[in-house]
Amino acid sequence: MGTLITLGILAAIALIIVFWVIGVYNRLVDLRNRFKNAFSQIDVQLKRRYDLIPNLVETAKAYLKHERETLEAVIAARNSAQNCRTTRGCQSG
């Protein structure tokens, strides 16, 4: 009867160890999957940013064109004012 109880206790301990090992393995698999998912999300975000670069370049080009036109208009107005000042022959209008 004593050996039967000892075997039962050993079997229970073995089952606890087996379930613990299974739990640890499942946790490691879960962590690996979270790791892979996190890196795939980073890849997705980097791809989105990369895809937005042409839009940013086009926006910058349009802004530079506007700035160039504004600068040329300011330069023309300054030159016109300078000419009026030196020749004293400006007409308003």
PDB file of N, CA and C in Angstrom:
ATOM      1  N   MET A   1       0.811  -1.185   0.000  1.00  0.00           N
ATOM      2  CA  MET A   1       0.000   0.000   0.000  1.00  0.00           C
ATOM      3  C   MET A   1       0.862   1.261   0.000  1.00  0.00           C
ATOM      4  N   GLY A   2       2.012   1.244   0.672  1.00  0.00           N
ATOM      5  CA  GLY A   2       2.913   2.380   0.745  1.00  0.00           C
ATOM      6  C   GLY A   2       3.536   2.696  -0.598  1.00  0.00           C
ATOM      7  N   THR A   3       3.855   1.648  -1.376  1.00  0.00           N
ATOM      8  CA  THR A   3       4.456   1.884  -2.688  1.00  0.00           C
ATOM      9  C   THR A   3       3.432   2.450  -3.664  1.00  0.00           C
ATOM     10  N   LEU A   4       2.167   2.055  -3.497  1.00  0.00           N
ATOM     11  CA  LEU A   4       1.098   2.564  -4.356  1.00  0.00           C
ATOM     12  C   LEU A   4       0.904   4.062  -4.118  1.00  0.00           C
ATOM     13  N   ILE A   5       0.965   4.480  -2.882  1.00  0.00           N
ATOM     14  CA  ILE A   5       0.843   5.906  -2.562  1.00  0.00           C
ATOM     15  C   ILE A   5       2.062   6.658  -3.092  1.00  0.00           C
ATOM     16  N   THR A   6       3.236   6.081  -2.952  1.00  0.00           N
ATOM     17  CA  THR A   6       4.455   6.708  -3.457  1.00  0.00           C
ATOM     18  C   THR A   6       4.398   6.848  -4.974  1.00  0.00           C
ATOM     19  N   LEU A   7       3.936   5.809  -5.662  1.00  0.00           N
ATOM     20  CA  LEU A   7       3.795   5.885  -7.122  1.00  0.00           C
ATOM     21  C   LEU A   7       2.763   6.940  -7.519  1.00  0.00           C
ATOM     22  N   GLY A   8       1.689   7.026  -6.777  1.00  0.00           N
ATOM     23  CA  GLY A   8       0.666   8.049  -7.052  1.00  0.00           C
ATOM     24  C   GLY A   8       1.222   9.448  -6.893  1.00  0.00           C
ATOM     25  N   ILE A   9       1.990   9.666  -5.843  1.00  0.00           N
ATOM     26  CA  ILE A   9       2.608  10.973  -5.611  1.00  0.00           C
ATOM     27  C   ILE A   9       3.607  11.291  -6.709  1.00  0.00           C
ATOM     28  N   LEU A  10       4.413  10.307  -7.097  1.00  0.00           N
ATOM     29  CA  LEU A  10       5.379  10.515  -8.179  1.00  0.00           C
ATOM     30  C   LEU A  10       4.672  10.800  -9.510  1.00  0.00           C
ATOM     31  N   ALA A  11       3.575  10.104  -9.756  1.00  0.00           N
ATOM     32  CA  ALA A  11       2.806  10.343 -10.983  1.00  0.00           C
ATOM     33  C   ALA A  11       2.216  11.750 -10.976  1.00  0.00           C
ATOM     34  N   ALA A  12       1.713  12.180  -9.826  1.00  0.00           N
ATOM     35  CA  ALA A  12       1.158  13.530  -9.713  1.00  0.00           C
ATOM     36  C   ALA A  12       2.249  14.571  -9.942  1.00  0.00           C
ATOM     37  N   ILE A  13       3.419  14.353  -9.353  1.00  0.00           N
ATOM     38  CA  ILE A  13       4.540  15.284  -9.551  1.00  0.00           C
ATOM     39  C   ILE A  13       4.959  15.295 -11.016  1.00  0.00           C
ATOM     40  N   ALA A  14       4.991  14.125 -11.651  1.00  0.00           N
ATOM     41  CA  ALA A  14       5.354  14.041 -13.069  1.00  0.00           C
ATOM     42  C   ALA A  14       4.334  14.783 -13.929  1.00  0.00           C
ATOM     43  N   LEU A  15       3.039  14.630 -13.612  1.00  0.00           N
ATOM     44  CA  LEU A  15       2.001  15.346 -14.360  1.00  0.00           C
ATOM     45  C   LEU A  15       2.141  16.856 -14.177  1.00  0.00           C
ATOM     46  N   ILE A  16       2.427  17.278 -12.966  1.00  0.00           N
ATOM     47  CA  ILE A  16       2.610  18.719 -12.720  1.00  0.00           C
ATOM     48  C   ILE A  16       3.788  19.245 -13.532  1.00  0.00           C
ATOM     49  N   ILE A  17       4.882  18.496 -13.549  1.00  0.00           N
ATOM     50  CA  ILE A  17       6.054  18.911 -14.327  1.00  0.00           C
ATOM     51  C   ILE A  17       5.733  18.947 -15.810  1.00  0.00           C
ATOM     52  N   VAL A  18       5.003  17.942 -16.321  1.00  0.00           N
ATOM     53  CA  VAL A  18       4.637  17.912 -17.742  1.00  0.00           C
ATOM     54  C   VAL A  18       3.763  19.109 -18.089  1.00  0.00           C
ATOM     55  N   PHE A  19       2.756  19.399 -17.252  1.00  0.00           N
ATOM     56  CA  PHE A  19       1.898  20.553 -17.521  1.00  0.00           C
ATOM     57  C   PHE A  19       2.662  21.869 -17.424  1.00  0.00           C
ATOM     58  N   TRP A  20       3.618  21.942 -16.507  1.00  0.00           N
ATOM     59  CA  TRP A  20       4.433  23.139 -16.385  1.00  0.00           C
ATOM     60  C   TRP A  20       5.288  23.336 -17.635  1.00  0.00           C
ATOM     61  N   VAL A  21       5.902  22.259 -18.134  1.00  0.00           N
ATOM     62  CA  VAL A  21       6.725  22.338 -19.353  1.00  0.00           C
ATOM     63  C   VAL A  21       5.859  22.747 -20.541  1.00  0.00           C
ATOM     64  N   ILE A  22       4.659  22.183 -20.637  1.00  0.00           N
ATOM     65  CA  ILE A  22       3.746  22.559 -21.733  1.00  0.00           C
ATOM     66  C   ILE A  22       3.391  24.038 -21.620  1.00  0.00           C
ATOM     67  N   GLY A  23       3.122  24.515 -20.413  1.00  0.00           N
ATOM     68  CA  GLY A  23       2.801  25.926 -20.209  1.00  0.00           C
ATOM     69  C   GLY A  23       3.953  26.833 -20.598  1.00  0.00           C
ATOM     70  N   VAL A  24       5.157  26.463 -20.207  1.00  0.00           N
ATOM     71  CA  VAL A  24       6.336  27.259 -20.557  1.00  0.00           C
ATOM     72  C   VAL A  24       6.526  27.282 -22.072  1.00  0.00           C
ATOM     73  N   TYR A  25       6.356  26.135 -22.714  1.00  0.00           N
ATOM     74  CA  TYR A  25       6.510  26.063 -24.168  1.00  0.00           C
ATOM     75  C   TYR A  25       5.467  26.945 -24.860  1.00  0.00           C
ATOM     76  N   ASN A  26       4.213  26.854 -24.416  1.00  0.00           N
ATOM     77  CA  ASN A  26       3.162  27.675 -25.016  1.00  0.00           C
ATOM     78  C   ASN A  26       3.434  29.169 -24.817  1.00  0.00           C
ATOM     79  N   ARG A  27       3.952  29.521 -23.673  1.00  0.00           N
ATOM     80  CA  ARG A  27       4.285  30.927 -23.406  1.00  0.00           C
ATOM     81  C   ARG A  27       5.410  31.399 -24.327  1.00  0.00           C
ATOM     82  N   LEU A  28       6.409  30.551 -24.537  1.00  0.00           N
ATOM     83  CA  LEU A  28       7.498  30.909 -25.448  1.00  0.00           C
ATOM     84  C   LEU A  28       7.006  31.067 -26.876  1.00  0.00           C
ATOM     85  N   VAL A  29       6.112  30.178 -27.299  1.00  0.00           N
ATOM     86  CA  VAL A  29       5.541  30.294 -28.645  1.00  0.00           C
ATOM     87  C   VAL A  29       4.742  31.580 -28.766  1.00  0.00           C
ATOM     88  N   ASP A  30       3.966  31.905 -27.729  1.00  0.00           N
ATOM     89  CA  ASP A  30       3.186  33.145 -27.734  1.00  0.00           C
ATOM     90  C   ASP A  30       4.096  34.362 -27.820  1.00  0.00           C
ATOM     91  N   LEU A  31       5.177  34.366 -27.066  1.00  0.00           N
ATOM     92  CA  LEU A  31       6.127  35.484 -27.109  1.00  0.00           C
ATOM     93  C   LEU A  31       6.799  35.593 -28.472  1.00  0.00           C
ATOM     94  N   ARG A  32       7.128  34.460 -29.077  1.00  0.00           N
ATOM     95  CA  ARG A  32       7.731  34.483 -30.415  1.00  0.00           C
ATOM     96  C   ARG A  32       6.759  35.078 -31.427  1.00  0.00           C
ATOM     97  N   ASN A  33       5.491  34.694 -31.332  1.00  0.00           N
ATOM     98  CA  ASN A  33       4.486  35.224 -32.259  1.00  0.00           C
ATOM     99  C   ASN A  33       4.283  36.723 -32.053  1.00  0.00           C
ATOM    100  N   ARG A  34       4.288  37.171 -30.805  1.00  0.00           N
ATOM    101  CA  ARG A  34       4.174  38.611 -30.544  1.00  0.00           C
ATOM    102  C   ARG A  34       5.367  39.363 -31.119  1.00  0.00           C
ATOM    103  N   PHE A  35       6.549  38.784 -30.979  1.00  0.00           N
ATOM    104  CA  PHE A  35       7.768  39.379 -31.507  1.00  0.00           C
ATOM    105  C   PHE A  35       7.672  39.531 -33.025  1.00  0.00           C
ATOM    106  N   LYS A  36       7.275  38.456 -33.707  1.00  0.00           N
ATOM    107  CA  LYS A  36       7.153  38.504 -35.168  1.00  0.00           C
ATOM    108  C   LYS A  36       6.096  39.514 -35.590  1.00  0.00           C
ATOM    109  N   ASN A  37       4.988  39.555 -34.879  1.00  0.00           N
ATOM    110  CA  ASN A  37       3.921  40.494 -35.207  1.00  0.00           C
ATOM    111  C   ASN A  37       4.388  41.936 -35.019  1.00  0.00           C
ATOM    112  N   ALA A  38       5.117  42.197 -33.953  1.00  0.00           N
ATOM    113  CA  ALA A  38       5.611  43.547 -33.710  1.00  0.00           C
ATOM    114  C   ALA A  38       6.545  43.996 -34.829  1.00  0.00           C
ATOM    115  N   PHE A  39       7.443  43.125 -35.260  1.00  0.00           N
ATOM    116  CA  PHE A  39       8.352  43.506 -36.333  1.00  0.00           C
ATOM    117  C   PHE A  39       7.633  43.641 -37.669  1.00  0.00           C
ATOM    118  N   SER A  40       6.608  42.848 -37.899  1.00  0.00           N
ATOM    119  CA  SER A  40       5.858  43.007 -39.149  1.00  0.00           C
ATOM    120  C   SER A  40       5.095  44.330 -39.138  1.00  0.00           C
ATOM    121  N   GLN A  41       4.620  44.769 -37.970  1.00  0.00           N
ATOM    122  CA  GLN A  41       3.960  46.073 -37.881  1.00  0.00           C
ATOM    123  C   GLN A  41       4.944  47.203 -38.153  1.00  0.00           C
ATOM    124  N   ILE A  42       6.167  47.049 -37.679  1.00  0.00           N
ATOM    125  CA  ILE A  42       7.194  48.054 -37.964  1.00  0.00           C
ATOM    126  C   ILE A  42       7.454  48.108 -39.465  1.00  0.00           C
ATOM    127  N   ASP A  43       7.538  46.955 -40.113  1.00  0.00           N
ATOM    128  CA  ASP A  43       7.748  46.909 -41.563  1.00  0.00           C
ATOM    129  C   ASP A  43       6.605  47.603 -42.303  1.00  0.00           C
ATOM    130  N   VAL A  44       5.376  47.392 -41.848  1.00  0.00           N
ATOM    131  CA  VAL A  44       4.218  48.019 -42.487  1.00  0.00           C
ATOM    132  C   VAL A  44       4.312  49.539 -42.351  1.00  0.00           C
ATOM    133  N   GLN A  45       4.646  50.028 -41.163  1.00  0.00           N
ATOM    134  CA  GLN A  45       4.745  51.466 -40.957  1.00  0.00           C
ATOM    135  C   GLN A  45       5.873  52.077 -41.788  1.00  0.00           C
ATOM    136  N   LEU A  46       7.000  51.390 -41.880  1.00  0.00           N
ATOM    137  CA  LEU A  46       8.098  51.895 -42.708  1.00  0.00           C
ATOM    138  C   LEU A  46       7.712  51.931 -44.178  1.00  0.00           C
ATOM    139  N   LYS A  47       6.977  50.932 -44.638  1.00  0.00           N
ATOM    140  CA  LYS A  47       6.506  50.900 -46.033  1.00  0.00           C
ATOM    141  C   LYS A  47       5.561  52.067 -46.293  1.00  0.00           C
ATOM    142  N   ARG A  48       4.663  52.341 -45.352  1.00  0.00           N
ATOM    143  CA  ARG A  48       3.748  53.478 -45.523  1.00  0.00           C
ATOM    144  C   ARG A  48       4.511  54.787 -45.614  1.00  0.00           C
ATOM    145  N   ARG A  49       5.498  54.959 -44.749  1.00  0.00           N
ATOM    146  CA  ARG A  49       6.292  56.183 -44.802  1.00  0.00           C
ATOM    147  C   ARG A  49       7.041  56.296 -46.121  1.00  0.00           C
ATOM    148  N   TYR A  50       7.594  55.182 -46.577  1.00  0.00           N
ATOM    149  CA  TYR A  50       8.318  55.182 -47.844  1.00  0.00           C
ATOM    150  C   TYR A  50       7.377  55.553 -48.995  1.00  0.00           C
ATOM    151  N   ASP A  51       6.150  55.069 -48.941  1.00  0.00           N
ATOM    152  CA  ASP A  51       5.183  55.374 -49.996  1.00  0.00           C
ATOM    153  C   ASP A  51       4.766  56.842 -49.987  1.00  0.00           C
ATOM    154  N   LEU A  52       4.905  57.522 -48.871  1.00  0.00           N
ATOM    155  CA  LEU A  52       4.524  58.933 -48.777  1.00  0.00           C
ATOM    156  C   LEU A  52       5.610  59.884 -49.263  1.00  0.00           C
ATOM    157  N   ILE A  53       6.819  59.396 -49.472  1.00  0.00           N
ATOM    158  CA  ILE A  53       7.921  60.271 -49.883  1.00  0.00           C
ATOM    159  C   ILE A  53       7.633  60.985 -51.207  1.00  0.00           C
ATOM    160  N   PRO A  54       7.115  60.309 -52.251  1.00  0.00           N
ATOM    161  CA  PRO A  54       6.823  61.046 -53.490  1.00  0.00           C
ATOM    162  C   PRO A  54       5.814  62.174 -53.286  1.00  0.00           C
ATOM    163  N   ASN A  55       4.810  61.962 -52.433  1.00  0.00           N
ATOM    164  CA  ASN A  55       3.846  63.031 -52.154  1.00  0.00           C
ATOM    165  C   ASN A  55       4.534  64.219 -51.487  1.00  0.00           C
ATOM    166  N   LEU A  56       5.435  63.942 -50.575  1.00  0.00           N
ATOM    167  CA  LEU A  56       6.165  65.000 -49.895  1.00  0.00           C
ATOM    168  C   LEU A  56       7.045  65.773 -50.870  1.00  0.00           C
ATOM    169  N   VAL A  57       7.683  65.063 -51.787  1.00  0.00           N
ATOM    170  CA  VAL A  57       8.531  65.717 -52.786  1.00  0.00           C
ATOM    171  C   VAL A  57       7.695  66.620 -53.688  1.00  0.00           C
ATOM    172  N   GLU A  58       6.541  66.142 -54.121  1.00  0.00           N
ATOM    173  CA  GLU A  58       5.672  66.960 -54.978  1.00  0.00           C
ATOM    174  C   GLU A  58       5.171  68.200 -54.238  1.00  0.00           C
ATOM    175  N   THR A  59       4.832  68.040 -52.977  1.00  0.00           N
ATOM    176  CA  THR A  59       4.385  69.184 -52.176  1.00  0.00           C
ATOM    177  C   THR A  59       5.504  70.201 -52.036  1.00  0.00           C
ATOM    178  N   ALA A  60       6.709  69.727 -51.795  1.00  0.00           N
ATOM    179  CA  ALA A  60       7.850  70.637 -51.662  1.00  0.00           C
ATOM    180  C   ALA A  60       8.120  71.367 -52.976  1.00  0.00           C
ATOM    181  N   LYS A  61       7.999  70.661 -54.099  1.00  0.00           N
ATOM    182  CA  LYS A  61       8.205  71.310 -55.400  1.00  0.00           C
ATOM    183  C   LYS A  61       7.174  72.406 -55.636  1.00  0.00           C
ATOM    184  N   ALA A  62       5.913  72.120 -55.318  1.00  0.00           N
ATOM    185  CA  ALA A  62       4.861  73.126 -55.500  1.00  0.00           C
ATOM    186  C   ALA A  62       5.110  74.331 -54.600  1.00  0.00           C
ATOM    187  N   TYR A  63       5.520  74.085 -53.371  1.00  0.00           N
ATOM    188  CA  TYR A  63       5.807  75.177 -52.446  1.00  0.00           C
ATOM    189  C   TYR A  63       6.994  76.000 -52.939  1.00  0.00           C
ATOM    190  N   LEU A  64       8.027  75.346 -53.436  1.00  0.00           N
ATOM    191  CA  LEU A  64       9.189  76.064 -53.958  1.00  0.00           C
ATOM    192  C   LEU A  64       8.813  76.917 -55.168  1.00  0.00           C
ATOM    193  N   LYS A  65       7.936  76.409 -56.021  1.00  0.00           N
ATOM    194  CA  LYS A  65       7.477  77.190 -57.174  1.00  0.00           C
ATOM    195  C   LYS A  65       6.756  78.450 -56.701  1.00  0.00           C
ATOM    196  N   HIS A  66       5.886  78.290 -55.720  1.00  0.00           N
ATOM    197  CA  HIS A  66       5.168  79.444 -55.175  1.00  0.00           C
ATOM    198  C   HIS A  66       6.150  80.444 -54.566  1.00  0.00           C
ATOM    199  N   GLU A  67       7.115  79.950 -53.808  1.00  0.00           N
ATOM    200  CA  GLU A  67       8.101  80.830 -53.194  1.00  0.00           C
ATOM    201  C   GLU A  67       8.921  81.561 -54.255  1.00  0.00           C
ATOM    202  N   ARG A  68       9.277  80.861 -55.328  1.00  0.00           N
ATOM    203  CA  ARG A  68      10.046  81.483 -56.400  1.00  0.00           C
ATOM    204  C   ARG A  68       9.239  82.613 -57.042  1.00  0.00           C
ATOM    205  N   GLU A  69       7.961  82.352 -57.322  1.00  0.00           N
ATOM    206  CA  GLU A  69       7.106  83.380 -57.920  1.00  0.00           C
ATOM    207  C   GLU A  69       6.959  84.578 -56.998  1.00  0.00           C
ATOM    208  N   THR A  70       6.797  84.322 -55.714  1.00  0.00           N
ATOM    209  CA  THR A  70       6.676  85.417 -54.745  1.00  0.00           C
ATOM    210  C   THR A  70       7.960  86.230 -54.688  1.00  0.00           C
ATOM    211  N   LEU A  71       9.100  85.551 -54.659  1.00  0.00           N
ATOM    212  CA  LEU A  71      10.383  86.248 -54.613  1.00  0.00           C
ATOM    213  C   LEU A  71      10.590  87.083 -55.872  1.00  0.00           C
ATOM    214  N   GLU A  72      10.248  86.530 -57.027  1.00  0.00           N
ATOM    215  CA  GLU A  72      10.400  87.288 -58.276  1.00  0.00           C
ATOM    216  C   GLU A  72       9.492  88.513 -58.286  1.00  0.00           C
ATOM    217  N   ALA A  73       8.270  88.372 -57.759  1.00  0.00           N
ATOM    218  CA  ALA A  73       7.361  89.529 -57.693  1.00  0.00           C
ATOM    219  C   ALA A  73       7.904  90.595 -56.747  1.00  0.00           C
ATOM    220  N   VAL A  74       8.465  90.187 -55.623  1.00  0.00           N
ATOM    221  CA  VAL A  74       9.038  91.139 -54.676  1.00  0.00           C
ATOM    222  C   VAL A  74      10.246  91.839 -55.300  1.00  0.00           C
ATOM    223  N   ILE A  75      11.071  91.090 -56.008  1.00  0.00           N
ATOM    224  CA  ILE A  75      12.247  91.687 -56.658  1.00  0.00           C
ATOM    225  C   ILE A  75      11.807  92.680 -57.729  1.00  0.00           C
ATOM    226  N   ALA A  76      10.811  92.315 -58.508  1.00  0.00           N
ATOM    227  CA  ALA A  76      10.309  93.224 -59.550  1.00  0.00           C
ATOM    228  C   ALA A  76       9.732  94.495 -58.923  1.00  0.00           C
ATOM    229  N   ALA A  77       8.981  94.358 -57.843  1.00  0.00           N
ATOM    230  CA  ALA A  77       8.414  95.535 -57.182  1.00  0.00           C
ATOM    231  C   ALA A  77       9.517  96.405 -56.600  1.00  0.00           C
ATOM    232  N   ARG A  78      10.544  95.795 -56.038  1.00  0.00           N
ATOM    233  CA  ARG A  78      11.651  96.562 -55.474  1.00  0.00           C
ATOM    234  C   ARG A  78      12.399  97.305 -56.574  1.00  0.00           C
ATOM    235  N   ASN A  79      12.644  96.610 -57.692  1.00  0.00           N
ATOM    236  CA  ASN A  79      13.339  97.263 -58.805  1.00  0.00           C
ATOM    237  C   ASN A  79      12.509  98.405 -59.368  1.00  0.00           C
ATOM    238  N   SER A  80      11.193  98.184 -59.449  1.00  0.00           N
ATOM    239  CA  SER A  80      10.314  99.242 -59.948  1.00  0.00           C
ATOM    240  C   SER A  80      10.342 100.443 -59.014  1.00  0.00           C
ATOM    241  N   ALA A  81      10.295 100.173 -57.720  1.00  0.00           N
ATOM    242  CA  ALA A  81      10.348 101.270 -56.747  1.00  0.00           C
ATOM    243  C   ALA A  81      11.701 101.975 -56.813  1.00  0.00           C
ATOM    244  N   GLN A  82      12.756 101.217 -56.995  1.00  0.00           N
ATOM    245  CA  GLN A  82      14.099 101.814 -57.098  1.00  0.00           C
ATOM    246  C   GLN A  82      14.181 102.684 -58.346  1.00  0.00           C
ATOM    247  N   ASN A  83      13.616 102.217 -59.462  1.00  0.00           N
ATOM    248  CA  ASN A  83      13.627 103.006 -60.697  1.00  0.00           C
ATOM    249  C   ASN A  83      12.819 104.278 -60.534  1.00  0.00           C
ATOM    250  N   CYS A  84      11.686 104.178 -59.869  1.00  0.00           N
ATOM    251  CA  CYS A  84      10.860 105.367 -59.632  1.00  0.00           C
ATOM    252  C   CYS A  84      11.611 106.380 -58.780  1.00  0.00           C
ATOM    253  N   ARG A  85      12.325 105.872 -57.836  1.00  0.00           N
ATOM    254  CA  ARG A  85      13.044 106.752 -56.922  1.00  0.00           C
ATOM    255  C   ARG A  85      14.167 107.473 -57.639  1.00  0.00           C
ATOM    256  N   THR A  86      14.852 106.765 -58.516  1.00  0.00           N
ATOM    257  CA  THR A  86      16.001 107.391 -59.187  1.00  0.00           C
ATOM    258  C   THR A  86      15.551 108.292 -60.327  1.00  0.00           C
ATOM    259  N   THR A  87      14.474 107.947 -61.026  1.00  0.00           N
ATOM    260  CA  THR A  87      14.038 108.756 -62.168  1.00  0.00           C
ATOM    261  C   THR A  87      12.963 109.748 -61.805  1.00  0.00           C
ATOM    262  N   ARG A  88      12.355 109.597 -60.659  1.00  0.00           N
ATOM    263  CA  ARG A  88      11.270 110.448 -60.180  1.00  0.00           C
ATOM    264  C   ARG A  88      10.163 110.599 -61.202  1.00  0.00           C
ATOM    265  N   GLY A  89       9.951 109.543 -61.946  1.00  0.00           N
ATOM    266  CA  GLY A  89       8.933 109.602 -62.969  1.00  0.00           C
ATOM    267  C   GLY A  89       7.878 108.537 -62.804  1.00  0.00           C
ATOM    268  N   CYS A  90       7.572 108.158 -61.610  1.00  0.00           N
ATOM    269  CA  CYS A  90       6.601 107.080 -61.381  1.00  0.00           C
ATOM    270  C   CYS A  90       5.193 107.623 -61.447  1.00  0.00           C
ATOM    271  N   GLN A  91       4.369 106.775 -61.947  1.00  0.00           N
ATOM    272  CA  GLN A  91       2.938 107.081 -61.957  1.00  0.00           C
ATOM    273  C   GLN A  91       2.251 106.021 -61.133  1.00  0.00           C
ATOM    274  N   SER A  92       1.346 106.429 -60.298  1.00  0.00           N
ATOM    275  CA  SER A  92       0.647 105.435 -59.501  1.00  0.00           C
ATOM    276  C   SER A  92      -0.468 104.829 -60.332  1.00  0.00           C
ATOM    277  N   GLY A  93      -0.744 103.569 -60.102  1.00  0.00           N
ATOM    278  CA  GLY A  93      -1.851 102.963 -60.820  1.00  0.00           C
ATOM    279  C   GLY A  93      -1.468 101.625 -61.161  1.00  0.00           C
TER     280      GLY A  93
END
